């Protein structure tokens, strides 16, 4: 049976590999992204002439 949109009784399937991310996992991902962003900014600044950013 194909559930209709808006059917409150339809069953929702979730794959076995699905899990909720913990705060630690999210924090680690955010920290890695911040570090990558900082590295990119530093690389850009090092490539600019000194009088632009000094």
PDB file of N, CA and C in Angstrom:
ATOM      1  N   UNK A   1       0.837  -1.182   0.000  1.00  0.00           N
ATOM      2  CA  UNK A   1       0.000   0.000   0.000  1.00  0.00           C
ATOM      3  C   UNK A   1       0.884   1.250   0.000  1.00  0.00           C
ATOM      4  N   UNK A   2       0.579   2.181  -0.827  1.00  0.00           N
ATOM      5  CA  UNK A   2       1.327   3.430  -0.919  1.00  0.00           C
ATOM      6  C   UNK A   2       0.643   4.470  -0.035  1.00  0.00           C
ATOM      7  N   UNK A   3       1.388   5.019   0.931  1.00  0.00           N
ATOM      8  CA  UNK A   3       0.762   6.013   1.816  1.00  0.00           C
ATOM      9  C   UNK A   3       0.491   7.319   1.076  1.00  0.00           C
ATOM     10  N   UNK A   4      -0.599   7.936   1.427  1.00  0.00           N
ATOM     11  CA  UNK A   4      -0.968   9.217   0.835  1.00  0.00           C
ATOM     12  C   UNK A   4      -0.315  10.350   1.625  1.00  0.00           C
ATOM     13  N   UNK A   5       0.033  11.454   0.969  1.00  0.00           N
ATOM     14  CA  UNK A   5       0.571  12.604   1.695  1.00  0.00           C
ATOM     15  C   UNK A   5      -0.417  13.085   2.751  1.00  0.00           C
ATOM     16  N   UNK A   6       0.089  13.404   3.929  1.00  0.00           N
ATOM     17  CA  UNK A   6      -0.772  13.869   5.008  1.00  0.00           C
ATOM     18  C   UNK A   6      -1.388  12.751   5.822  1.00  0.00           C
ATOM     19  N   UNK A   7      -1.094  11.502   5.483  1.00  0.00           N
ATOM     20  CA  UNK A   7      -1.629  10.363   6.225  1.00  0.00           C
ATOM     21  C   UNK A   7      -0.887  10.242   7.554  1.00  0.00           C
ATOM     22  N   UNK A   8      -1.558  10.537   8.656  1.00  0.00           N
ATOM     23  CA  UNK A   8      -0.929  10.525   9.978  1.00  0.00           C
ATOM     24  C   UNK A   8      -0.591   9.115  10.446  1.00  0.00           C
ATOM     25  N   UNK A   9      -1.177   8.096   9.835  1.00  0.00           N
ATOM     26  CA  UNK A   9      -0.947   6.723  10.277  1.00  0.00           C
ATOM     27  C   UNK A   9       0.114   5.999   9.460  1.00  0.00           C
ATOM     28  N   UNK A  10       0.759   6.697   8.544  1.00  0.00           N
ATOM     29  CA  UNK A  10       1.748   6.012   7.714  1.00  0.00           C
ATOM     30  C   UNK A  10       2.991   5.682   8.538  1.00  0.00           C
ATOM     31  N   UNK A  11       3.642   4.628   8.133  1.00  0.00           N
ATOM     32  CA  UNK A  11       4.837   4.167   8.833  1.00  0.00           C
ATOM     33  C   UNK A  11       6.068   4.803   8.194  1.00  0.00           C
ATOM     34  N   UNK A  12       6.968   5.266   9.026  1.00  0.00           N
ATOM     35  CA  UNK A  12       8.195   5.889   8.539  1.00  0.00           C
ATOM     36  C   UNK A  12       9.342   4.926   8.785  1.00  0.00           C
ATOM     37  N   UNK A  13      10.068   4.600   7.724  1.00  0.00           N
ATOM     38  CA  UNK A  13      11.191   3.682   7.875  1.00  0.00           C
ATOM     39  C   UNK A  13      12.491   4.469   8.014  1.00  0.00           C
ATOM     40  N   UNK A  14      13.349   3.978   8.895  1.00  0.00           N
ATOM     41  CA  UNK A  14      14.656   4.586   9.124  1.00  0.00           C
ATOM     42  C   UNK A  14      15.693   3.494   8.941  1.00  0.00           C
ATOM     43  N   UNK A  15      16.722   3.771   8.158  1.00  0.00           N
ATOM     44  CA  UNK A  15      17.746   2.760   7.926  1.00  0.00           C
ATOM     45  C   UNK A  15      18.504   2.464   9.212  1.00  0.00           C
ATOM     46  N   UNK A  16      19.091   1.284   9.277  1.00  0.00           N
ATOM     47  CA  UNK A  16      19.794   0.871  10.487  1.00  0.00           C
ATOM     48  C   UNK A  16      21.040   1.707  10.748  1.00  0.00           C
ATOM     49  N   UNK A  17      21.606   2.287   9.706  1.00  0.00           N
ATOM     50  CA  UNK A  17      22.824   3.064   9.887  1.00  0.00           C
ATOM     51  C   UNK A  17      22.541   4.462  10.421  1.00  0.00           C
ATOM     52  N   UNK A  18      21.286   4.860  10.484  1.00  0.00           N
ATOM     53  CA  UNK A  18      20.924   6.177  10.983  1.00  0.00           C
ATOM     54  C   UNK A  18      21.126   6.235  12.485  1.00  0.00           C
ATOM     55  N   UNK A  19      21.765   7.287  12.951  1.00  0.00           N
ATOM     56  CA  UNK A  19      21.875   7.507  14.390  1.00  0.00           C
ATOM     57  C   UNK A  19      21.906   8.998  14.665  1.00  0.00           C
ATOM     58  N   UNK A  20      21.512   9.362  15.858  1.00  0.00           N
ATOM     59  CA  UNK A  20      21.548  10.763  16.239  1.00  0.00           C
ATOM     60  C   UNK A  20      22.971  11.155  16.571  1.00  0.00           C
ATOM     61  N   UNK A  21      23.379  12.320  16.101  1.00  0.00           N
ATOM     62  CA  UNK A  21      24.717  12.784  16.418  1.00  0.00           C
ATOM     63  C   UNK A  21      24.718  13.375  17.823  1.00  0.00           C
ATOM     64  N   UNK A  22      25.743  13.031  18.570  1.00  0.00           N
ATOM     65  CA  UNK A  22      25.866  13.590  19.908  1.00  0.00           C
ATOM     66  C   UNK A  22      26.444  14.991  19.813  1.00  0.00           C
ATOM     67  N   UNK A  23      26.358  15.724  20.900  1.00  0.00           N
ATOM     68  CA  UNK A  23      26.931  17.066  20.928  1.00  0.00           C
ATOM     69  C   UNK A  23      28.428  17.022  20.655  1.00  0.00           C
ATOM     70  N   UNK A  24      29.109  15.979  21.163  1.00  0.00           N
ATOM     71  CA  UNK A  24      30.553  15.857  20.941  1.00  0.00           C
ATOM     72  C   UNK A  24      30.861  15.690  19.462  1.00  0.00           C
ATOM     73  N   UNK A  25      30.061  14.886  18.759  1.00  0.00           N
ATOM     74  CA  UNK A  25      30.276  14.684  17.329  1.00  0.00           C
ATOM     75  C   UNK A  25      30.064  15.983  16.563  1.00  0.00           C
ATOM     76  N   UNK A  26      29.000  16.701  16.917  1.00  0.00           N
ATOM     77  CA  UNK A  26      28.735  17.966  16.249  1.00  0.00           C
ATOM     78  C   UNK A  26      29.842  18.967  16.553  1.00  0.00           C
ATOM     79  N   UNK A  27      30.293  19.016  17.798  1.00  0.00           N
ATOM     80  CA  UNK A  27      31.355  19.943  18.184  1.00  0.00           C
ATOM     81  C   UNK A  27      32.632  19.643  17.410  1.00  0.00           C
ATOM     82  N   UNK A  28      32.981  18.363  17.289  1.00  0.00           N
ATOM     83  CA  UNK A  28      34.186  17.983  16.549  1.00  0.00           C
ATOM     84  C   UNK A  28      34.089  18.401  15.085  1.00  0.00           C
ATOM     85  N   UNK A  29      32.917  18.207  14.477  1.00  0.00           N
ATOM     86  CA  UNK A  29      32.725  18.606  13.078  1.00  0.00           C
ATOM     87  C   UNK A  29      32.858  20.119  12.932  1.00  0.00           C
ATOM     88  N   UNK A  30      32.236  20.857  13.856  1.00  0.00           N
ATOM     89  CA  UNK A  30      32.306  22.314  13.802  1.00  0.00           C
ATOM     90  C   UNK A  30      33.737  22.796  13.998  1.00  0.00           C
ATOM     91  N   UNK A  31      34.465  22.179  14.930  1.00  0.00           N
ATOM     92  CA  UNK A  31      35.845  22.567  15.203  1.00  0.00           C
ATOM     93  C   UNK A  31      36.731  22.327  13.985  1.00  0.00           C
ATOM     94  N   UNK A  32      36.540  21.197  13.322  1.00  0.00           N
ATOM     95  CA  UNK A  32      37.321  20.905  12.115  1.00  0.00           C
ATOM     96  C   UNK A  32      37.018  21.916  11.016  1.00  0.00           C
ATOM     97  N   UNK A  33      35.751  22.311  10.882  1.00  0.00           N
ATOM     98  CA  UNK A  33      35.379  23.294   9.865  1.00  0.00           C
ATOM     99  C   UNK A  33      35.990  24.653  10.180  1.00  0.00           C
ATOM    100  N   UNK A  34      35.977  25.042  11.454  1.00  0.00           N
ATOM    101  CA  UNK A  34      36.567  26.321  11.855  1.00  0.00           C
ATOM    102  C   UNK A  34      38.059  26.326  11.562  1.00  0.00           C
ATOM    103  N   UNK A  35      38.740  25.222  11.877  1.00  0.00           N
ATOM    104  CA  UNK A  35      40.175  25.129  11.615  1.00  0.00           C
ATOM    105  C   UNK A  35      40.467  25.204  10.118  1.00  0.00           C
ATOM    106  N   UNK A  36      39.643  24.565   9.312  1.00  0.00           N
ATOM    107  CA  UNK A  36      39.825  24.613   7.860  1.00  0.00           C
ATOM    108  C   UNK A  36      39.602  26.031   7.340  1.00  0.00           C
ATOM    109  N   UNK A  37      38.585  26.708   7.867  1.00  0.00           N
ATOM    110  CA  UNK A  37      38.321  28.091   7.467  1.00  0.00           C
ATOM    111  C   UNK A  37      39.486  29.000   7.847  1.00  0.00           C
ATOM    112  N   UNK A  38      40.012  28.826   9.064  1.00  0.00           N
ATOM    113  CA  UNK A  38      41.153  29.627   9.512  1.00  0.00           C
ATOM    114  C   UNK A  38      42.364  29.411   8.615  1.00  0.00           C
ATOM    115  N   UNK A  39      42.589  28.169   8.232  1.00  0.00           N
ATOM    116  CA  UNK A  39      43.720  27.857   7.356  1.00  0.00           C
ATOM    117  C   UNK A  39      43.540  28.521   5.992  1.00  0.00           C
ATOM    118  N   UNK A  40      42.325  28.501   5.476  1.00  0.00           N
ATOM    119  CA  UNK A  40      42.059  29.126   4.179  1.00  0.00           C
ATOM    120  C   UNK A  40      42.270  30.637   4.254  1.00  0.00           C
ATOM    121  N   UNK A  41      41.816  31.250   5.332  1.00  0.00           N
ATOM    122  CA  UNK A  41      41.995  32.695   5.505  1.00  0.00           C
ATOM    123  C   UNK A  41      43.474  33.035   5.601  1.00  0.00           C
ATOM    124  N   UNK A  42      44.212  32.245   6.367  1.00  0.00           N
ATOM    125  CA  UNK A  42      45.648  32.484   6.509  1.00  0.00           C
ATOM    126  C   UNK A  42      46.356  32.359   5.155  1.00  0.00           C
ATOM    127  N   UNK A  43      45.981  31.367   4.380  1.00  0.00           N
ATOM    128  CA  UNK A  43      46.582  31.173   3.057  1.00  0.00           C
ATOM    129  C   UNK A  43      46.308  32.375   2.159  1.00  0.00           C
ATOM    130  N   UNK A  44      45.091  32.888   2.211  1.00  0.00           N
ATOM    131  CA  UNK A  44      44.738  34.058   1.407  1.00  0.00           C
ATOM    132  C   UNK A  44      45.547  35.272   1.852  1.00  0.00           C
ATOM    133  N   UNK A  45      45.624  35.488   3.174  1.00  0.00           N
ATOM    134  CA  UNK A  45      46.347  36.651   3.685  1.00  0.00           C
ATOM    135  C   UNK A  45      47.830  36.592   3.362  1.00  0.00           C
ATOM    136  N   UNK A  46      48.416  35.419   3.408  1.00  0.00           N
ATOM    137  CA  UNK A  46      49.839  35.292   3.111  1.00  0.00           C
ATOM    138  C   UNK A  46      50.133  35.584   1.644  1.00  0.00           C
ATOM    139  N   UNK A  47      49.133  35.435   0.793  1.00  0.00           N
ATOM    140  CA  UNK A  47      49.324  35.691  -0.626  1.00  0.00           C
ATOM    141  C   UNK A  47      49.115  37.148  -1.015  1.00  0.00           C
ATOM    142  N   UNK A  48      48.611  37.972  -0.067  1.00  0.00           N
ATOM    143  CA  UNK A  48      48.359  39.380  -0.365  1.00  0.00           C
ATOM    144  C   UNK A  48      49.595  40.225  -0.066  1.00  0.00           C
ATOM    145  N   UNK A  49      49.763  41.311  -0.781  1.00  0.00           N
ATOM    146  CA  UNK A  49      50.854  42.234  -0.450  1.00  0.00           C
ATOM    147  C   UNK A  49      50.658  42.781   0.968  1.00  0.00           C
ATOM    148  N   UNK A  50      51.747  43.036   1.667  1.00  0.00           N
ATOM    149  CA  UNK A  50      51.685  43.424   3.080  1.00  0.00           C
ATOM    150  C   UNK A  50      50.885  44.705   3.304  1.00  0.00           C
ATOM    151  N   UNK A  51      50.948  45.654   2.393  1.00  0.00           N
ATOM    152  CA  UNK A  51      50.265  46.929   2.605  1.00  0.00           C
ATOM    153  C   UNK A  51      48.739  46.813   2.562  1.00  0.00           C
ATOM    154  N   UNK A  52      48.211  45.706   2.073  1.00  0.00           N
ATOM    155  CA  UNK A  52      46.757  45.529   2.011  1.00  0.00           C
ATOM    156  C   UNK A  52      46.191  45.144   3.372  1.00  0.00           C
ATOM    157  N   UNK A  53      46.844  44.252   4.094  1.00  0.00           N
ATOM    158  CA  UNK A  53      46.277  43.757   5.346  1.00  0.00           C
ATOM    159  C   UNK A  53      47.003  44.259   6.578  1.00  0.00           C
ATOM    160  N   UNK A  54      48.064  44.990   6.437  1.00  0.00           N
ATOM    161  CA  UNK A  54      48.823  45.460   7.605  1.00  0.00           C
ATOM    162  C   UNK A  54      48.234  46.739   8.152  1.00  0.00           C
TER     163      UNK A  54
END
